[in-house]
Amino acid sequence: MGLIKLAAAGAVGYALFKYASRKENEEPLVAGLGRGHVRDSGPDHMTSPPKAWSKTDEASDESFPASDPPSTY
């Protein structure tokens, strides 16, 4: 029973530590864009688009960050 109480106290302490040390103004996810902004899919919206772009590339870019690959593979 003492081990459970110790684990619970540790979890509460960790949660309080993470809450107290969070940053209000974190860096943006993408350079030059606001926090939480996601770029549109396609080579037109990339900072350095590839020279060749196929339908498979388009489907993969549209599905990112999904864990399943597009059905065009």
C-alpha atoms as a PDB file:
ATOM      1  CA  MET A   1       0.000   0.000   0.000  1.00  0.00           C
ATOM      2  CA  GLY A   2       2.893   2.346   0.721  1.00  0.00           C
ATOM      3  CA  LEU A   3       4.257   1.858  -2.802  1.00  0.00           C
ATOM      4  CA  ILE A   4       0.943   2.949  -4.337  1.00  0.00           C
ATOM      5  CA  LYS A   5       0.865   6.083  -2.194  1.00  0.00           C
ATOM      6  CA  LEU A   6       4.444   6.870  -3.177  1.00  0.00           C
ATOM      7  CA  ALA A   7       3.622   6.412  -6.872  1.00  0.00           C
ATOM      8  CA  ALA A   8       0.538   8.631  -6.561  1.00  0.00           C
ATOM      9  CA  ALA A   9       2.533  11.343  -4.767  1.00  0.00           C
ATOM     10  CA  GLY A  10       5.195  11.158  -7.465  1.00  0.00           C
ATOM     11  CA  ALA A  11       2.580  11.482 -10.219  1.00  0.00           C
ATOM     12  CA  VAL A  12       1.015  14.501  -8.536  1.00  0.00           C
ATOM     13  CA  GLY A  13       4.430  16.083  -8.049  1.00  0.00           C
ATOM     14  CA  TYR A  14       5.350  15.510 -11.684  1.00  0.00           C
ATOM     15  CA  ALA A  15       2.041  16.996 -12.883  1.00  0.00           C
ATOM     16  CA  LEU A  16       2.574  20.087 -10.726  1.00  0.00           C
ATOM     17  CA  PHE A  17       6.146  20.435 -11.996  1.00  0.00           C
ATOM     18  CA  LYS A  18       5.024  20.225 -15.657  1.00  0.00           C
ATOM     19  CA  TYR A  19       2.229  22.723 -15.007  1.00  0.00           C
ATOM     20  CA  ALA A  20       4.559  25.194 -13.301  1.00  0.00           C
ATOM     21  CA  SER A  21       7.337  24.920 -15.893  1.00  0.00           C
ATOM     22  CA  ARG A  22       5.226  25.216 -19.048  1.00  0.00           C
ATOM     23  CA  LYS A  23       6.088  28.051 -21.396  1.00  0.00           C
ATOM     24  CA  GLU A  24       3.435  30.501 -22.483  1.00  0.00           C
ATOM     25  CA  ASN A  25       5.219  31.596 -25.649  1.00  0.00           C
ATOM     26  CA  GLU A  26       6.657  28.449 -27.179  1.00  0.00           C
ATOM     27  CA  GLU A  27       8.370  28.423 -30.540  1.00  0.00           C
ATOM     28  CA  PRO A  28       6.098  28.023 -33.564  1.00  0.00           C
ATOM     29  CA  LEU A  29       5.808  24.582 -35.131  1.00  0.00           C
ATOM     30  CA  VAL A  30       6.903  25.907 -38.519  1.00  0.00           C
ATOM     31  CA  ALA A  31       9.368  28.760 -38.909  1.00  0.00           C
ATOM     32  CA  GLY A  32       7.582  31.961 -39.849  1.00  0.00           C
ATOM     33  CA  LEU A  33       4.127  30.663 -38.967  1.00  0.00           C
ATOM     34  CA  GLY A  34       2.081  31.009 -35.815  1.00  0.00           C
ATOM     35  CA  ARG A  35       1.721  28.256 -33.249  1.00  0.00           C
ATOM     36  CA  GLY A  36      -0.515  25.445 -34.424  1.00  0.00           C
ATOM     37  CA  HIS A  37      -0.513  26.540 -38.060  1.00  0.00           C
ATOM     38  CA  VAL A  38      -0.227  23.747 -40.597  1.00  0.00           C
ATOM     39  CA  ARG A  39       0.721  24.460 -44.188  1.00  0.00           C
ATOM     40  CA  ASP A  40      -1.589  23.480 -47.009  1.00  0.00           C
ATOM     41  CA  SER A  41      -0.672  20.386 -48.989  1.00  0.00           C
ATOM     42  CA  GLY A  42       0.981  20.475 -52.369  1.00  0.00           C
ATOM     43  CA  PRO A  43       4.237  21.768 -53.809  1.00  0.00           C
ATOM     44  CA  ASP A  44       2.825  25.288 -54.232  1.00  0.00           C
ATOM     45  CA  HIS A  45       2.871  25.785 -50.463  1.00  0.00           C
ATOM     46  CA  MET A  46       6.371  24.376 -49.816  1.00  0.00           C
ATOM     47  CA  THR A  47       9.383  26.570 -49.163  1.00  0.00           C
ATOM     48  CA  SER A  48      11.552  24.388 -51.418  1.00  0.00           C
ATOM     49  CA  PRO A  49       9.299  22.309 -53.704  1.00  0.00           C
ATOM     50  CA  PRO A  50      10.666  19.195 -55.417  1.00  0.00           C
ATOM     51  CA  LYS A  51      11.344  19.216 -59.171  1.00  0.00           C
ATOM     52  CA  ALA A  52       9.212  16.113 -59.787  1.00  0.00           C
ATOM     53  CA  TRP A  53       5.798  15.642 -58.158  1.00  0.00           C
ATOM     54  CA  SER A  54       3.624  12.544 -58.705  1.00  0.00           C
ATOM     55  CA  LYS A  55       0.090  11.603 -57.628  1.00  0.00           C
ATOM     56  CA  THR A  56       1.623   9.357 -54.967  1.00  0.00           C
ATOM     57  CA  ASP A  57       3.638  12.292 -53.633  1.00  0.00           C
ATOM     58  CA  GLU A  58       0.476  14.396 -53.556  1.00  0.00           C
ATOM     59  CA  ALA A  59      -1.507  11.719 -51.706  1.00  0.00           C
ATOM     60  CA  SER A  60       1.317  11.234 -49.209  1.00  0.00           C
ATOM     61  CA  ASP A  61       1.576  14.977 -48.591  1.00  0.00           C
ATOM     62  CA  GLU A  62      -2.196  15.295 -48.142  1.00  0.00           C
ATOM     63  CA  SER A  63      -2.306  12.468 -45.601  1.00  0.00           C
ATOM     64  CA  PHE A  64       0.588  13.718 -43.438  1.00  0.00           C
ATOM     65  CA  PRO A  65       0.837  13.259 -40.410  1.00  0.00           C
ATOM     66  CA  ALA A  66      -1.527  10.293 -40.570  1.00  0.00           C
ATOM     67  CA  SER A  67      -0.083   6.948 -39.539  1.00  0.00           C
ATOM     68  CA  ASP A  68      -1.589   5.056 -42.490  1.00  0.00           C
ATOM     69  CA  PRO A  69      -0.094   5.414 -45.970  1.00  0.00           C
ATOM     70  CA  PRO A  70      -2.330   6.674 -48.785  1.00  0.00           C
ATOM     71  CA  SER A  71      -4.187   4.065 -50.819  1.00  0.00           C
ATOM     72  CA  THR A  72      -2.286   4.909 -54.011  1.00  0.00           C
ATOM     73  CA  TYR A  73       0.785   2.864 -52.985  1.00  0.00           C
END
